[in-house]
Amino acid sequence: EEYPALPEVSGDVSLDISQELLKDMVRTTVFSVSTDETRAILTGVLLRKDADGLRMVATDSYRLALKTASPEVLKADGGDWEAIIPARALNELNRMLDPTATETPVRVRASEQQILFEVGPYTLISRLIEGQFPNYQRLLQSETKWRIAVNRQDLLGAIKRAAIVAR
């Protein structure tokens, strides 16, 4: 009885996404989140829904991770929206997800200050990070001057050798 009640997340935004896709999106972006608390906005992952689908973006100002999902794989209500979710909340969500559970999608609801993830019998509610996420789109050029093709194994071997002496 004395335990505080869960906050109500009453936003106009809601979407359903498969556990497998959401787990993949979190896994491929959350590693780029900053651990520096002085730049709190970079300690979260931008989740953006628009006409192009769903996009997750993370950066620590040295690296950038971007993962997209087409609008066909989403069941969404509401218009375009974005939220910056703390990486700790996404790591917890990742532990809750079961990519083999094809019948149980993740329901996501967002308000101005909070986001709610419902996965079967589990519910995760997190506060959102306030602020303006850096404009990552200006870093992604649509046209390039040069294109280089390299052998994947040769490149991986060179990176592993360089990593020995790099910090």
Protein backbone atom coordinates (compact mmCIF):
# COMPACT_ATOMS: atom_id res chain seq x y z
CA GLU A 1 0.00 0.00 0.00
CA GLU A 2 2.85 2.41 0.75
CA TYR A 3 4.64 1.66 -2.50
CA PRO A 4 4.29 4.65 -4.86
CA ALA A 5 1.89 4.24 -7.76
CA LEU A 6 3.31 3.95 -11.26
CA PRO A 7 3.15 7.19 -13.23
CA GLU A 8 0.55 7.51 -15.96
CA VAL A 9 2.02 7.85 -19.45
CA SER A 10 -0.84 9.42 -21.33
CA GLY A 11 0.59 10.54 -24.63
CA ASP A 12 -1.03 10.63 -28.04
CA VAL A 13 1.87 8.63 -29.40
CA SER A 14 1.84 4.87 -29.44
CA LEU A 15 3.33 2.19 -31.63
CA ASP A 16 3.76 -1.56 -31.72
CA ILE A 17 7.05 -3.08 -32.85
CA SER A 18 8.33 -6.64 -32.86
CA GLN A 19 10.63 -7.66 -30.02
CA GLU A 20 13.21 -8.95 -32.49
CA LEU A 21 13.42 -5.65 -34.38
CA LEU A 22 13.51 -3.51 -31.24
CA LYS A 23 16.22 -5.69 -29.68
CA ASP A 24 18.30 -5.33 -32.85
CA MET A 25 17.79 -1.56 -32.94
CA VAL A 26 18.83 -1.17 -29.30
CA ARG A 27 21.83 -3.50 -29.66
CA THR A 28 23.16 -1.68 -32.73
CA THR A 29 22.89 1.84 -31.30
CA VAL A 30 23.30 1.83 -27.51
CA PHE A 31 27.05 1.13 -27.67
CA SER A 32 27.62 4.64 -29.10
CA VAL A 33 26.06 6.42 -26.11
CA SER A 34 28.32 8.69 -24.09
CA THR A 35 29.08 7.92 -20.46
CA ASP A 36 30.04 11.54 -19.75
CA GLU A 37 27.31 12.94 -17.48
CA THR A 38 28.36 16.55 -18.19
CA ARG A 39 26.70 16.23 -21.62
CA ALA A 40 23.50 14.54 -20.49
CA ILE A 41 21.86 14.71 -23.92
CA LEU A 42 24.50 12.30 -25.27
CA THR A 43 23.80 9.72 -22.55
CA GLY A 44 20.59 8.81 -24.34
CA VAL A 45 19.38 7.41 -27.63
CA LEU A 46 17.17 9.44 -29.93
CA LEU A 47 14.04 7.54 -30.94
CA ARG A 48 12.31 9.28 -33.85
CA LYS A 49 9.14 8.26 -35.67
CA ASP A 50 8.17 9.99 -38.89
CA ALA A 51 6.87 9.19 -42.36
CA ASP A 52 10.11 7.34 -43.16
CA GLY A 53 9.57 4.92 -40.26
CA LEU A 54 11.37 4.55 -36.95
CA ARG A 55 14.93 5.66 -36.34
CA MET A 56 17.29 5.17 -33.38
CA VAL A 57 20.40 7.34 -33.18
CA ALA A 58 23.17 7.47 -30.59
CA THR A 59 26.44 9.37 -30.46
CA ASP A 60 29.20 10.17 -28.02
CA SER A 61 30.57 12.88 -30.37
CA TYR A 62 33.30 10.49 -31.61
CA ARG A 63 31.11 7.81 -33.15
CA LEU A 64 27.58 7.69 -34.46
CA ALA A 65 25.20 4.72 -34.63
CA LEU A 66 22.00 4.84 -36.66
CA LYS A 67 19.42 2.10 -37.16
CA THR A 68 16.17 2.48 -39.09
CA ALA A 69 12.96 0.48 -39.47
CA SER A 70 10.54 0.98 -42.35
CA PRO A 71 7.01 2.20 -41.61
CA GLU A 72 5.57 -1.11 -42.87
CA VAL A 73 6.85 -2.99 -39.79
CA LEU A 74 5.17 -0.60 -37.33
CA LYS A 75 1.64 -0.21 -36.11
CA ALA A 76 1.66 3.44 -35.09
CA ASP A 77 -0.81 6.07 -33.88
CA GLY A 78 -0.10 9.77 -33.75
CA GLY A 79 2.07 11.96 -35.92
CA ASP A 80 5.79 12.51 -36.05
CA TRP A 81 7.57 12.54 -32.69
CA GLU A 82 10.94 12.05 -31.08
CA ALA A 83 12.22 11.25 -27.63
CA ILE A 84 15.64 10.87 -26.04
CA ILE A 85 15.66 7.71 -23.94
CA PRO A 86 18.38 7.11 -21.32
CA ALA A 87 20.75 4.31 -22.28
CA ARG A 88 20.25 2.63 -18.90
CA ALA A 89 16.53 2.26 -19.62
CA LEU A 90 17.25 0.76 -23.04
CA ASN A 91 19.73 -1.69 -21.55
CA GLU A 92 17.02 -2.82 -19.11
CA LEU A 93 14.52 -3.07 -21.94
CA ASN A 94 16.98 -5.15 -23.95
CA ARG A 95 17.11 -7.67 -21.09
CA MET A 96 13.31 -7.92 -21.10
CA LEU A 97 13.03 -8.62 -24.82
CA ASP A 98 12.77 -12.11 -26.25
CA PRO A 99 13.47 -12.07 -30.02
CA THR A 100 11.80 -15.46 -30.45
CA ALA A 101 8.46 -14.16 -29.13
CA THR A 102 6.91 -13.38 -32.49
CA GLU A 103 3.32 -13.11 -31.27
CA THR A 104 4.01 -10.54 -28.55
CA PRO A 105 5.00 -7.12 -29.89
CA VAL A 106 6.33 -4.30 -27.74
CA ARG A 107 3.84 -1.50 -27.17
CA VAL A 108 5.51 1.90 -26.85
CA ARG A 109 3.68 4.96 -25.51
CA ALA A 110 5.29 8.34 -25.05
CA SER A 111 4.36 11.60 -23.41
CA GLU A 112 6.31 14.82 -23.00
CA GLN A 113 8.43 13.57 -20.11
CA GLN A 114 8.08 9.79 -20.01
CA ILE A 115 8.08 6.72 -22.19
CA LEU A 116 6.45 3.37 -21.48
CA PHE A 117 7.36 -0.02 -22.93
CA GLU A 118 4.96 -2.94 -22.43
CA VAL A 119 6.39 -6.37 -23.19
CA GLY A 120 3.89 -9.09 -22.37
CA PRO A 121 3.36 -8.97 -18.58
CA TYR A 122 6.28 -6.52 -18.05
CA THR A 123 6.13 -2.73 -18.07
CA LEU A 124 9.12 -0.38 -18.15
CA ILE A 125 8.59 3.33 -17.60
CA SER A 126 11.43 5.81 -17.95
CA ARG A 127 11.82 9.55 -17.80
CA LEU A 128 13.02 11.13 -21.01
CA ILE A 129 16.11 13.28 -21.32
CA GLU A 130 15.19 16.90 -22.03
CA GLY A 131 17.05 18.92 -24.61
CA GLN A 132 17.92 19.08 -28.28
CA PHE A 133 19.74 16.08 -29.75
CA PRO A 134 22.66 17.06 -32.03
CA ASN A 135 21.86 17.37 -35.73
CA TYR A 136 23.29 14.04 -36.88
CA GLN A 137 21.83 14.35 -40.39
CA ARG A 138 24.35 16.97 -41.45
CA LEU A 139 27.09 14.42 -40.77
CA LEU A 140 25.52 11.89 -43.11
CA GLN A 141 26.25 13.08 -46.60
CA SER A 142 24.10 11.71 -49.37
CA GLU A 143 26.83 12.15 -51.96
CA THR A 144 30.48 11.27 -51.54
CA LYS A 145 33.58 12.24 -53.51
CA TRP A 146 35.28 8.89 -53.16
CA ARG A 147 34.19 5.31 -52.71
CA ILE A 148 36.69 2.67 -51.61
CA ALA A 149 36.17 -1.07 -51.78
CA VAL A 150 38.36 -3.22 -49.53
CA ASN A 151 38.48 -6.85 -48.58
CA ARG A 152 36.56 -7.25 -45.31
CA GLN A 153 39.00 -9.75 -43.76
CA ASP A 154 42.01 -7.58 -44.62
CA LEU A 155 40.36 -4.53 -43.05
CA LEU A 156 39.40 -6.42 -39.88
CA GLY A 157 42.94 -7.77 -39.56
CA ALA A 158 44.40 -4.27 -39.90
CA ILE A 159 41.98 -2.90 -37.28
CA LYS A 160 42.87 -5.68 -34.84
CA ARG A 161 46.59 -4.98 -35.27
CA ALA A 162 46.10 -1.24 -34.83
CA ALA A 163 43.90 -1.80 -31.75
CA ILE A 164 46.85 -3.37 -29.94
CA VAL A 165 48.69 -0.05 -29.77
CA ALA A 166 45.66 2.29 -29.77
CA ARG A 167 44.08 3.31 -26.50
